[in-house]
Amino acid sequence: MKVAYRTKRWHALIDFRDYLTRTKAENVTQFNGHELVTDQGRYGLVFGELIFYPSVKNLVVKKAVVKKAPVKKKAVVKKPTVKKAVVKKKKL
């Protein structure tokens, strides 16, 4: 979901915090100067651009369906039988 205020350039993260509290777009839970935590996720500011990390509860996780590969039967190869010659020892 693209939100217009996430793509806008901001001068400071406190300006963005003030915007969120004024418009009530998201609930700000924590702000320590370099990171802003809301109910939607975490924000950071680098060179005027917002970096957004969504919170885990807002991510949609799809279960991966893993199909098993068909089992190939190994061909049974019969080894040729070799009869050993029996040598009788003579007694002296």
Protein backbone atom coordinates (compact mmCIF):
# COMPACT_ATOMS: atom_id res chain seq x y z
CA MET A 1 0.00 0.00 0.00
CA LYS A 2 1.56 3.28 -1.11
CA VAL A 3 0.91 6.29 1.05
CA ALA A 4 1.67 9.78 -0.25
CA TYR A 5 3.40 10.99 2.91
CA ARG A 6 5.89 8.09 2.77
CA THR A 7 7.20 9.18 -0.64
CA LYS A 8 7.41 12.90 0.26
CA ARG A 9 10.80 14.39 1.19
CA TRP A 10 11.09 15.54 4.81
CA HIS A 11 13.61 17.93 6.37
CA ALA A 12 13.61 16.23 9.77
CA LEU A 13 11.98 13.24 11.37
CA ILE A 14 10.33 15.49 13.95
CA ASP A 15 8.48 17.24 11.11
CA PHE A 16 7.15 13.87 10.01
CA ARG A 17 6.16 13.04 13.58
CA ASP A 18 4.28 16.32 13.88
CA TYR A 19 2.50 15.59 10.59
CA LEU A 20 1.39 12.15 11.77
CA THR A 21 0.08 13.47 15.09
CA ARG A 22 -1.69 16.39 13.38
CA THR A 23 -3.42 14.26 10.72
CA LYS A 24 -3.85 11.18 12.94
CA ALA A 25 -2.82 8.97 10.03
CA GLU A 26 -0.85 6.66 12.33
CA ASN A 27 -0.44 6.42 16.10
CA VAL A 28 3.07 7.39 17.19
CA THR A 29 4.20 5.07 19.98
CA GLN A 30 7.87 5.99 20.34
CA PHE A 31 10.27 8.65 19.05
CA ASN A 32 13.91 8.89 20.05
CA GLY A 33 15.23 11.38 17.50
CA HIS A 34 16.56 9.02 14.87
CA GLU A 35 13.77 6.42 14.79
CA LEU A 36 10.00 6.86 14.81
CA VAL A 37 7.86 3.88 15.83
CA THR A 38 4.17 3.81 14.95
CA ASP A 39 1.41 1.21 14.92
CA GLN A 40 2.19 0.51 11.23
CA GLY A 41 5.98 0.13 11.54
CA ARG A 42 9.28 1.94 12.06
CA TYR A 43 10.56 5.00 10.18
CA GLY A 44 14.01 6.41 9.67
CA LEU A 45 15.21 9.41 7.68
CA VAL A 46 18.23 9.35 5.35
CA PHE A 47 19.06 12.31 3.08
CA GLY A 48 15.47 13.56 3.32
CA GLU A 49 13.88 10.25 2.31
CA LEU A 50 11.87 8.10 4.68
CA ILE A 51 12.85 4.50 5.24
CA PHE A 52 9.90 2.37 6.32
CA TYR A 53 10.11 -1.02 8.00
CA PRO A 54 6.64 -2.57 8.42
CA SER A 55 5.85 -4.19 11.74
CA VAL A 56 5.58 -7.96 11.89
CA LYS A 57 1.87 -7.97 12.72
CA ASN A 58 1.09 -6.01 9.52
CA LEU A 59 2.95 -8.34 7.19
CA VAL A 60 0.94 -10.85 5.23
CA VAL A 61 2.67 -14.19 5.32
CA LYS A 62 1.69 -16.74 2.73
CA LYS A 63 2.23 -20.38 3.41
CA ALA A 64 4.47 -21.96 0.85
CA VAL A 65 3.13 -25.06 -0.79
CA VAL A 66 5.92 -27.52 -1.27
CA LYS A 67 5.29 -30.30 -3.73
CA LYS A 68 7.34 -33.39 -3.34
CA ALA A 69 9.22 -34.54 -6.39
CA PRO A 70 8.12 -37.91 -7.72
CA VAL A 71 10.29 -40.71 -6.45
CA LYS A 72 12.17 -42.44 -9.20
CA LYS A 73 12.62 -46.13 -8.78
CA LYS A 74 16.16 -47.27 -9.14
CA ALA A 75 16.71 -49.92 -11.75
CA VAL A 76 17.86 -53.17 -10.24
CA VAL A 77 20.88 -54.48 -12.06
CA LYS A 78 21.77 -58.07 -11.45
CA LYS A 79 25.45 -58.69 -11.26
CA PRO A 80 26.65 -61.65 -13.27
CA THR A 81 27.63 -64.50 -11.03
CA VAL A 82 31.09 -65.86 -11.38
CA LYS A 83 31.69 -69.32 -10.09
CA LYS A 84 34.99 -69.73 -8.41
CA ALA A 85 36.96 -72.78 -9.29
CA VAL A 86 37.50 -75.06 -6.38
CA VAL A 87 41.03 -76.30 -6.14
CA LYS A 88 41.59 -79.39 -4.07
CA LYS A 89 44.83 -79.63 -2.23
CA LYS A 90 46.63 -82.88 -2.48
CA LYS A 91 47.96 -84.38 0.68
CA LEU A 92 51.58 -85.42 0.67
